[in-house]
Protein backbone atom coordinates (compact mmCIF):
# COMPACT_ATOMS: atom_id res chain seq x y z
CA MET A 1 -9.30 -27.28 -4.06
CA THR A 2 -8.06 -23.76 -4.86
CA HIS A 3 -6.08 -23.47 -8.11
CA PRO A 4 -2.30 -22.72 -7.41
CA LYS A 5 -2.49 -19.59 -9.55
CA THR A 6 -5.44 -18.33 -7.56
CA LYS A 7 -3.56 -18.95 -4.29
CA ARG A 8 -0.73 -16.77 -5.55
CA LEU A 9 -3.05 -13.96 -6.49
CA ILE A 10 -4.53 -14.01 -3.01
CA VAL A 11 -1.15 -13.62 -1.41
CA ILE A 12 -0.15 -10.90 -3.91
CA ALA A 13 -3.20 -8.96 -2.65
CA VAL A 14 -1.86 -9.37 0.88
CA VAL A 15 1.54 -8.07 -0.22
CA LEU A 16 -0.04 -5.00 -1.81
CA SER A 17 -2.17 -4.26 1.26
CA LEU A 18 0.99 -4.14 3.38
CA GLY A 19 2.87 -1.49 2.28
CA LEU A 20 3.07 -0.23 -0.78
CA ALA A 21 0.14 0.10 -1.67
CA PHE A 22 -1.42 1.18 -2.13
CA GLY A 23 -3.23 0.04 -5.57
CA LEU A 24 -6.49 -0.37 -7.31
CA GLY A 25 -6.55 -4.09 -8.12
CA VAL A 26 -7.93 -5.02 -11.54
CA TYR A 27 -6.85 -8.47 -12.62
CA VAL A 28 -6.93 -8.70 -16.39
CA GLY A 29 -4.91 -10.43 -19.09
CA PHE A 30 -4.05 -13.59 -17.15
CA ALA A 31 -5.64 -16.21 -19.46
CA ARG A 32 -6.27 -13.89 -22.42
CA PRO A 33 -3.62 -11.09 -22.69
CA GLU A 34 -5.42 -9.88 -25.85
CA THR A 35 -8.15 -8.44 -23.63
CA ILE A 36 -5.79 -5.65 -22.54
CA GLY A 37 -4.32 -5.09 -25.97
CA LEU A 38 -1.45 -7.61 -25.75
CA LYS A 39 -0.71 -10.22 -28.35
CA ASN A 40 -1.24 -13.78 -27.15
CA TRP A 41 2.38 -14.87 -27.52
CA ASN A 42 1.73 -18.17 -25.77
CA LEU A 43 0.46 -19.89 -28.92
CA GLU A 44 3.46 -18.67 -30.90
CA PHE A 45 5.88 -19.82 -28.16
CA GLN A 46 4.18 -23.21 -28.10
CA SER A 47 4.57 -23.59 -31.86
CA LEU A 48 8.25 -22.67 -31.67
CA GLY A 49 8.91 -25.07 -28.75
CA ARG A 50 10.90 -22.41 -26.91
CA GLY A 51 11.97 -22.46 -23.24
CA SER A 52 11.02 -19.74 -20.71
CA SER A 53 14.17 -17.60 -21.18
CA ASP A 54 14.04 -17.90 -24.98
CA ASN A 55 10.38 -16.83 -24.94
CA LEU A 56 11.26 -13.56 -23.20
CA ILE A 57 14.15 -12.78 -25.53
CA TYR A 58 11.96 -13.58 -28.58
CA LEU A 59 9.22 -11.36 -27.15
CA ALA A 60 11.58 -8.41 -26.63
CA LYS A 61 13.23 -8.69 -30.09
CA ASN A 62 9.95 -8.99 -32.03
CA ARG A 63 7.73 -6.57 -30.04
CA GLN A 64 9.11 -3.39 -31.73
CA PRO A 65 11.20 -2.55 -34.82
CA THR A 66 14.72 -3.76 -34.48
CA GLN A 67 16.26 -0.27 -34.56
CA THR A 68 14.32 0.67 -31.38
CA PHE A 69 16.38 -1.89 -29.42
CA ASP A 70 19.71 -1.43 -31.13
CA LEU A 71 21.40 0.14 -28.10
CA PHE A 72 19.70 -2.26 -25.70
CA TRP A 73 20.97 -5.31 -27.53
CA LYS A 74 24.47 -3.88 -27.92
CA VAL A 75 24.68 -3.44 -24.11
CA TRP A 76 23.02 -6.81 -23.62
CA GLU A 77 25.65 -8.56 -25.80
CA LEU A 78 28.52 -6.77 -24.09
CA ALA A 79 27.14 -7.69 -20.63
CA GLN A 80 26.77 -11.34 -21.64
CA SER A 81 30.23 -11.59 -23.33
CA LYS A 82 32.41 -9.21 -21.27
CA HIS A 83 31.05 -9.01 -17.74
CA PHE A 84 33.08 -10.87 -15.07
CA ASP A 85 30.11 -13.04 -14.05
CA ALA A 86 28.76 -13.64 -17.59
CA PRO A 87 26.89 -15.43 -18.86
CA ALA A 88 24.17 -14.27 -16.55
CA ASN A 89 20.63 -15.71 -16.09
CA THR A 90 18.87 -14.22 -19.07
CA THR A 91 15.37 -14.37 -17.47
CA GLU A 92 16.62 -12.35 -14.47
CA MET A 93 18.27 -9.84 -16.80
CA ILE A 94 15.03 -9.24 -18.66
CA TYR A 95 13.01 -8.96 -15.45
CA GLY A 96 15.57 -6.48 -14.16
CA ALA A 97 15.32 -4.47 -17.41
CA ILE A 98 11.57 -4.26 -17.02
CA ASN A 99 11.80 -2.99 -13.45
CA GLY A 100 14.55 -0.59 -14.50
CA MET A 101 12.30 0.81 -17.19
CA LEU A 102 9.50 1.37 -14.69
CA ARG A 103 11.63 2.78 -11.86
CA PHE A 104 14.25 4.79 -13.70
CA GLY A 105 12.68 5.30 -17.16
CA LEU A 106 9.27 6.42 -15.80
CA LYS A 107 10.80 7.70 -12.56
CA ASP A 108 7.91 5.99 -10.77
CA LYS A 109 8.43 4.54 -7.29
CA TYR A 110 4.96 2.97 -7.22
CA SER A 111 4.89 0.88 -10.46
CA TYR A 112 6.66 -2.40 -10.41
CA PHE A 113 6.93 -5.80 -12.05
CA LEU A 114 6.81 -8.91 -9.90
CA PRO A 115 8.28 -12.05 -11.55
CA PRO A 116 6.82 -15.48 -11.05
CA GLU A 117 9.34 -16.56 -8.37
CA LYS A 118 8.99 -20.26 -7.65
CA ASP A 119 10.45 -19.92 -4.16
CA PHE A 120 7.78 -17.35 -3.30
CA TYR A 121 5.12 -19.56 -4.85
CA GLN A 122 6.19 -22.39 -2.58
CA LEU A 123 5.74 -20.00 0.36
CA ASP A 124 2.28 -19.17 -0.87
CA GLN A 125 0.68 -22.58 -0.69
CA LEU A 126 -1.44 -21.38 2.22
CA ALA A 127 -1.82 -17.64 2.69
CA THR A 128 -2.28 -18.17 6.39
CA THR A 129 1.39 -19.22 6.65
CA VAL A 130 2.67 -15.88 5.45
CA GLY A 131 3.99 -13.56 8.14
CA ASP A 132 5.50 -10.11 8.41
CA ILE A 133 6.92 -7.77 11.04
CA GLY A 134 4.33 -4.97 11.08
CA ILE A 135 5.90 -1.89 9.47
CA GLU A 136 5.07 0.41 6.52
CA MET A 137 8.01 1.93 4.54
CA ASP A 138 8.56 4.70 2.06
CA LEU A 139 11.40 5.13 -0.40
CA SER A 140 12.42 8.75 0.13
CA SER A 141 15.25 9.77 -2.22
CA SER A 142 17.64 6.81 -1.74
CA ASP A 143 16.64 6.09 1.91
CA LEU A 144 14.20 3.43 2.98
CA VAL A 145 12.28 5.09 5.78
CA ILE A 146 9.86 3.43 8.27
CA VAL A 147 6.72 5.58 8.20
CA ASN A 148 4.49 3.46 10.41
CA VAL A 149 4.96 0.77 13.03
CA VAL A 150 2.11 -1.50 14.10
CA PRO A 151 2.07 -1.09 17.95
CA ASP A 152 1.64 -4.75 18.82
CA GLY A 153 3.59 -6.23 15.92
CA PRO A 154 7.09 -7.75 16.04
CA ALA A 155 8.83 -4.47 15.06
CA GLY A 156 6.78 -2.35 17.50
CA ASN A 157 7.46 -4.72 20.35
CA ALA A 158 11.16 -4.67 19.60
CA GLY A 159 11.31 -0.87 19.79
CA ILE A 160 11.52 0.08 16.13
CA GLN A 161 10.07 3.60 15.60
CA ASP A 162 8.61 5.80 12.86
CA GLY A 163 11.43 7.66 11.14
CA ASP A 164 14.06 4.94 11.52
CA LEU A 165 16.08 4.30 8.34
CA ILE A 166 16.57 0.72 7.17
CA VAL A 167 20.18 -0.12 6.35
CA SER A 168 19.88 -3.83 5.56
CA LEU A 169 17.38 -6.66 5.53
CA SER A 170 18.56 -10.21 6.21
CA GLY A 171 22.14 -9.20 5.43
CA LYS A 172 21.24 -7.48 2.14
CA SER A 173 21.93 -3.77 1.74
CA VAL A 174 18.80 -1.79 0.82
CA GLN A 175 20.82 0.52 -1.51
CA GLY A 176 19.18 0.30 -4.89
CA MET A 177 16.36 -1.93 -3.52
CA SER A 178 12.82 -1.13 -4.71
CA LEU A 179 10.00 -0.65 -2.28
CA MET A 180 8.33 -3.88 -3.39
CA ASP A 181 11.55 -5.83 -3.13
CA ALA A 182 11.94 -4.56 0.48
CA GLN A 183 8.35 -5.67 1.20
CA LEU A 184 8.93 -9.14 -0.21
CA GLU A 185 12.16 -9.38 1.80
CA LEU A 186 10.20 -8.82 5.00
CA LEU A 187 7.56 -11.47 4.14
CA GLY A 188 8.24 -15.06 5.09
CA LYS A 189 6.82 -18.05 6.86
CA VAL A 190 5.18 -17.43 10.19
CA SER A 191 7.74 -17.89 13.05
CA SER A 192 10.70 -17.51 10.72
CA LYS A 193 13.31 -14.84 11.57
CA VAL A 194 14.45 -11.76 9.76
CA HIS A 195 17.51 -9.61 10.70
CA ILE A 196 17.16 -5.87 10.33
CA VAL A 197 19.74 -3.10 10.72
CA THR A 198 18.37 0.47 11.18
CA LEU A 199 19.67 3.98 11.85
CA ARG A 200 18.02 6.41 14.29
CA MET A 201 18.85 10.00 14.97
CA GLN A 202 19.75 10.40 18.67
CA ASN A 203 21.47 13.43 20.17
CA ASN A 204 22.25 14.80 16.69
CA GLN A 205 23.98 11.65 15.49
CA TRP A 206 22.93 8.48 13.71
CA VAL A 207 22.94 5.39 15.92
CA GLU A 208 22.90 1.93 14.35
CA LYS A 209 20.56 -0.66 15.84
CA ASP A 210 20.24 -4.38 15.15
CA TYR A 211 17.10 -6.47 15.45
CA ASP A 212 16.33 -10.12 15.15
CA LEU A 213 12.59 -10.31 14.58
CA VAL A 214 10.17 -13.27 14.35
CA ARG A 215 7.55 -12.89 11.69
CA ALA A 216 3.88 -12.88 12.89
CA PRO A 217 0.77 -13.87 10.87
CA VAL A 218 -0.68 -11.25 8.54
CA LYS A 219 -4.01 -10.04 9.94
CA THR A 220 -7.07 -10.73 7.87
CA GLU A 221 -9.32 -8.28 9.77
CA THR A 222 -9.11 -4.80 8.29
CA LEU A 223 -10.93 -2.92 11.04
CA ASN A 224 -12.01 -3.16 14.65
CA TRP A 225 -13.95 -0.92 16.96
CA THR A 226 -14.26 -0.31 20.72
CA GLU A 227 -16.50 1.84 22.89
CA LEU A 228 -14.17 4.36 24.56
CA GLU A 229 -16.91 5.74 26.84
CA LYS A 230 -20.71 5.70 26.69
CA GLY A 231 -21.74 6.56 23.19
CA VAL A 232 -18.22 7.33 21.92
CA TYR A 233 -16.62 4.81 19.55
CA ASP A 234 -13.16 4.36 18.17
CA ILE A 235 -13.15 2.70 14.79
CA ASN A 236 -9.67 1.63 13.57
CA VAL A 237 -9.32 0.85 9.88
CA ASP A 238 -5.79 -0.40 9.18
CA ARG A 239 -6.09 -1.08 5.43
CA PHE A 240 -8.58 -1.34 2.59
CA SER A 241 -9.15 -4.86 1.21
CA ASP A 242 -11.96 -6.64 -0.54
CA GLN A 243 -13.36 -7.41 2.92
CA THR A 244 -13.37 -3.80 4.27
CA LEU A 245 -16.70 -2.70 2.80
CA LYS A 246 -18.53 -5.64 4.41
CA GLN A 247 -16.77 -5.17 7.71
CA TRP A 248 -17.47 -1.41 7.65
CA GLY A 249 -21.20 -1.98 6.91
CA ASN A 250 -21.49 -4.50 9.79
CA THR A 251 -19.76 -2.04 12.19
CA VAL A 252 -22.03 0.89 11.22
CA ASN A 253 -25.15 -1.21 11.60
CA VAL A 254 -24.14 -2.12 15.12
CA ILE A 255 -23.10 1.31 16.45
CA ALA A 256 -25.82 3.26 14.64
CA ASN A 257 -28.43 1.45 16.67
CA LYS A 258 -26.82 2.42 19.94
CA ASP A 259 -26.88 5.69 21.87
CA LEU A 260 -24.24 7.09 19.46
CA LYS A 261 -22.71 10.44 20.45
CA GLY A 262 -19.42 10.59 18.52
CA ILE A 263 -16.85 8.67 16.46
CA ILE A 264 -13.03 8.67 16.32
CA LEU A 265 -11.98 7.23 12.95
CA ASP A 266 -8.40 6.03 13.31
CA LEU A 267 -6.65 5.90 9.88
CA ARG A 268 -3.07 5.98 11.26
CA GLY A 269 -0.82 3.54 9.49
CA ASN A 270 -3.48 2.79 6.87
CA GLY A 271 -1.46 2.52 3.65
CA GLY A 272 -4.59 2.32 1.51
CA GLY A 273 -5.36 -0.66 -0.81
CA LEU A 274 -8.46 -1.27 -2.82
CA THR A 275 -10.75 1.75 -3.27
CA GLN A 276 -14.14 0.02 -3.40
CA ALA A 277 -14.90 0.98 0.23
CA VAL A 278 -13.99 4.69 -0.03
CA VAL A 279 -17.27 6.07 -1.50
CA PRO A 280 -19.59 3.99 0.69
CA MET A 281 -17.54 4.88 3.79
CA VAL A 282 -17.66 8.63 3.06
CA SER A 283 -21.32 8.39 2.12
CA ASP A 284 -22.05 7.29 5.69
CA PHE A 285 -20.70 10.67 6.93
CA VAL A 286 -21.35 13.17 4.12
CA PRO A 287 -24.93 13.76 2.84
CA ALA A 288 -24.01 14.85 -0.67
CA GLY A 289 -21.11 15.88 -2.91
CA VAL A 290 -17.94 14.67 -4.52
CA VAL A 291 -15.81 12.10 -2.67
CA PHE A 292 -12.84 12.28 -5.00
CA THR A 293 -12.00 13.07 -8.67
CA GLN A 294 -9.83 10.86 -10.90
CA ALA A 295 -8.02 12.03 -14.02
CA ASP A 296 -6.38 10.01 -16.76
CA ARG A 297 -3.27 10.81 -18.86
CA ASN A 298 -5.51 12.64 -21.43
CA GLY A 299 -6.91 14.95 -18.75
CA ASP A 300 -10.28 13.33 -18.79
CA ARG A 301 -11.88 13.60 -15.33
CA LYS A 302 -14.52 11.55 -13.54
CA ASN A 303 -16.10 12.50 -10.22
CA TRP A 304 -16.93 9.84 -7.68
CA SER A 305 -19.76 11.14 -5.54
CA VAL A 306 -21.82 10.21 -2.45
CA THR A 307 -24.18 7.44 -3.44
CA ARG A 308 -26.73 7.26 -0.65
CA HIS A 309 -27.90 8.84 2.59
CA GLY A 310 -25.64 7.50 5.31
CA LYS A 311 -26.40 6.60 8.93
CA LEU A 312 -23.70 8.82 10.47
CA THR A 313 -24.31 12.19 8.77
CA ASP A 314 -25.14 13.98 12.00
CA VAL A 315 -22.54 12.31 14.25
CA PRO A 316 -19.52 14.36 15.42
CA VAL A 317 -16.31 12.89 13.96
CA VAL A 318 -12.54 13.18 14.56
CA VAL A 319 -10.10 11.45 12.18
CA LEU A 320 -6.63 10.37 13.25
CA VAL A 321 -3.89 10.49 10.63
CA ASN A 322 -0.10 10.15 10.35
CA ARG A 323 2.74 9.64 7.82
CA GLY A 324 1.53 6.05 7.31
CA THR A 325 -1.95 7.26 6.16
CA ALA A 326 -1.87 6.91 2.36
CA SER A 327 -3.85 6.47 -0.86
CA ALA A 328 -7.44 5.22 -0.20
CA ALA A 329 -7.14 6.22 3.46
CA GLU A 330 -6.15 9.82 2.32
CA MET A 331 -9.20 9.81 0.04
CA VAL A 332 -11.48 9.24 3.03
CA ALA A 333 -9.70 11.72 5.29
CA ALA A 334 -9.61 14.42 2.52
CA ALA A 335 -13.33 14.04 1.76
CA LEU A 336 -14.32 14.34 5.42
CA GLN A 337 -11.98 17.36 5.85
CA ASP A 338 -13.06 19.18 2.61
CA HIS A 339 -16.75 18.70 3.41
CA ALA A 340 -16.11 19.95 7.01
CA ARG A 341 -17.44 16.76 8.41
CA ALA A 342 -14.46 15.90 10.56
CA THR A 343 -11.47 17.35 12.29
CA LEU A 344 -8.14 15.77 11.32
CA VAL A 345 -5.66 15.20 14.17
CA GLY A 346 -2.05 13.93 14.01
CA THR A 347 0.75 14.55 11.60
CA ASN A 348 1.00 15.10 7.84
CA THR A 349 -0.20 12.15 5.74
CA PHE A 350 1.98 10.25 3.22
CA GLY A 351 0.89 11.95 0.03
CA LYS A 352 0.00 9.30 -2.57
CA GLY A 353 -2.20 10.90 -5.19
CA VAL A 354 -2.09 8.15 -7.81
CA ILE A 355 -4.09 5.00 -8.51
CA GLN A 356 -2.51 1.80 -9.79
CA GLN A 357 -3.85 -0.90 -12.01
CA LEU A 358 -2.78 -4.54 -11.67
CA TYR A 359 -2.18 -6.87 -14.62
CA THR A 360 -1.19 -10.50 -14.54
CA PHE A 361 0.66 -12.43 -17.29
CA ALA A 362 0.96 -16.13 -17.84
CA ILE A 363 4.57 -16.99 -18.82
CA PRO A 364 5.16 -20.36 -20.46
CA GLY A 365 7.35 -22.62 -18.38
CA GLU A 366 6.53 -20.85 -15.16
CA ILE A 367 4.19 -22.24 -12.50
CA ALA A 368 2.78 -18.83 -11.46
CA PRO A 369 1.93 -15.62 -13.27
CA ALA A 370 4.02 -12.42 -13.40
CA VAL A 371 2.38 -9.27 -12.10
CA LEU A 372 2.61 -5.66 -13.37
CA SER A 373 1.38 -2.84 -11.17
CA LEU A 374 1.14 0.35 -13.23
CA GLU A 375 0.35 3.86 -12.17
CA HIS A 376 -2.48 4.98 -14.55
CA LEU A 377 -4.69 7.64 -12.78
CA LYS A 378 -4.27 10.59 -10.57
CA TRP A 379 -6.89 11.55 -7.96
CA TYR A 380 -7.93 14.82 -6.39
CA THR A 381 -9.78 15.85 -3.21
CA PRO A 382 -13.30 17.38 -3.42
CA ASN A 383 -11.70 20.80 -3.34
CA GLY A 384 -9.47 19.96 -6.35
CA LYS A 385 -6.26 19.45 -4.47
CA SER A 386 -3.64 16.79 -5.28
CA VAL A 387 -2.00 15.14 -2.29
CA GLU A 388 0.86 13.67 -4.28
CA GLY A 389 4.13 14.30 -2.56
CA VAL A 390 2.59 16.73 -0.03
CA GLY A 391 -0.12 14.81 1.84
CA LEU A 392 -2.93 16.27 4.00
CA THR A 393 -2.23 18.70 6.76
CA PRO A 394 -4.26 17.96 9.94
CA ASP A 395 -6.51 20.62 11.44
CA SER A 396 -4.77 19.91 14.75
CA VAL A 397 -1.10 18.87 14.41
CA VAL A 398 0.02 16.54 17.24
CA THR A 399 3.46 14.94 16.88
CA PRO A 400 4.28 12.11 19.33
CA THR A 401 7.73 12.41 20.91
CA ALA A 402 10.25 9.67 21.68
CA ALA A 403 9.24 9.99 25.32
CA ASP A 404 5.59 9.37 24.35
CA TRP A 405 6.70 6.20 22.55
CA ALA A 406 8.66 5.03 25.52
CA ALA A 407 5.74 5.65 27.94
CA ASN A 408 3.23 4.12 25.52
CA LYS A 409 1.41 7.45 25.64
CA ASP A 410 -1.05 8.13 22.74
CA THR A 411 -1.04 11.96 22.70
CA VAL A 412 -2.89 11.95 19.35
CA MET A 413 -5.79 9.96 20.78
CA PHE A 414 -5.80 12.18 23.91
CA LYS A 415 -6.22 15.30 21.76
CA ALA A 416 -8.86 13.58 19.60
CA LYS A 417 -10.97 12.78 22.69
CA GLU A 418 -10.67 16.38 23.84
CA LEU A 419 -11.81 17.74 20.47
CA LEU A 420 -14.62 15.19 20.16
CA ARG A 421 -16.03 16.05 23.59
CA ALA A 422 -16.16 19.73 22.51
CA LYS A 423 -17.97 18.74 19.30
CA ILE A 424 -20.49 16.57 21.25
CA ASP A 425 -21.16 19.45 23.70
CA GLN A 426 -21.70 21.79 20.78
CA ALA A 427 -24.04 19.37 19.03
CA SER A 428 -26.13 18.96 22.17
CA GLY A 429 -26.48 22.73 22.60
CA GLY A 430 -23.79 23.07 25.26
CA THR A 431 -20.66 25.26 25.29
CA PRO A 432 -17.97 23.98 22.85
C-alpha cells in the first residue's frame, strides 16, 4: 500500500505539471532536512512537546538573531492584539508570511510555499480522482490571464479562450491570489463543479462571462501521435513528466521504422515540467552541440549537450508553439530553432527562463509535508539567449482569430503542413 506522504507527492507533481510549472523536481529534505543544510528541528520540537503552531513560532524566533525579526514581531503582536479579527490562526499567518517573502520580497512569481493542507490531502487519497478544467494561466502584472486552453477540456468545450482574464474562481476574487493558489482552486474531485467569471475584450469593451464547469480527470499520457498523411506524423507533447522520456522513446522507435518523411512537433500549451526528457528529445533531431546552458547565482555555467546520435537527424521538422509553450518546452523549441533543425510556427512563447528546485519538509503535527518550490537556476538557448519575459519568436507567425476558434479552424497546423511539404520536397531534390 502506498504511503500517504508518497501519494501527496505524486499529486503535487500533477499540480506542477499543470500550470505553473513549470519546475525541475528534486525532492530532498523530507525525512532528513539536514541534507539540504537545514537543522533537524523535529527532535527539538519533540523534546519540547510543542504543538504545530508553537513549533513554527519557535522556529522563526530562534532561526536568526532576535534583532533581525524585531520589526516582524512588532507587526505580528499588533496584528494579533489590535486587528478586528484577532487572534488569527498563527499557522496560517506564518505560512502567509513565507509566501509573502517569496512573492513580494524576492519579486518572484514562480517560487511558492505549499502548506500541508489536510483538506487537500483528503482529496489526494487516489490521484486518479483529481480533476481540472484544462487551462494554463499566467500572472501578468495583477491580472490572471488564460494563456492556453485544452481544446477538448471542460474550459475549451464551454468556449473559454486564450487571452480571457479570470475575475473570480468559485466566488473568490483572484485579486492578490498567487498563480499556485489559482491552480489549486481549479483542482478538485472529478465531476465536481467550479464557477468561473472571466472578462473578454469584444468590440473594444470588456465583456463579463460566467461559466459553471465540471472538472474532468487529469490526463496521465503526456504525448500522442497520429499519421496526418503517408509518412507525415504529428507528435503532440502536452507536458514533461517522469513518463515523457519513456513515451517519447517508444514513439520514435515506432515511427522511425516506417516510411518517415516529416514530423510536426506540437508543443502548443506545453507548460514544461521536468527537464529529464529535454536533452534526449533534442538529441533525436540534432546530431551535435549544446541543447541549453544553465547558470547559477554565482555565474557558474554548465552546458547540457547532445548525448547520442538520434534517429531523426535527417527528418524535416516543423514545431508548433504558442503563449502556452513554456520552460522545458521552450528549451526543446529553442534548441531546434538555434540549430536550424526546425521551423517554428505559431505565436510568441511564454518566456520562462528559470529552473525551479522542489524541497519538502515534514512538519510535526501535520499529516502531510509542506513544499517549497524555489527558483535557483537560469537557462539559456544554444545561442546564449535568455527567454525570460520575452519568449521565442516563431519563424512563421500565425495568430488564430476569434473566427478561427468559432469555426474550429487550426490555421497554425494548416501553415505547418504547408511548410513541411516544402521541406520534404526540398529534401527529396524537388522544388521547395
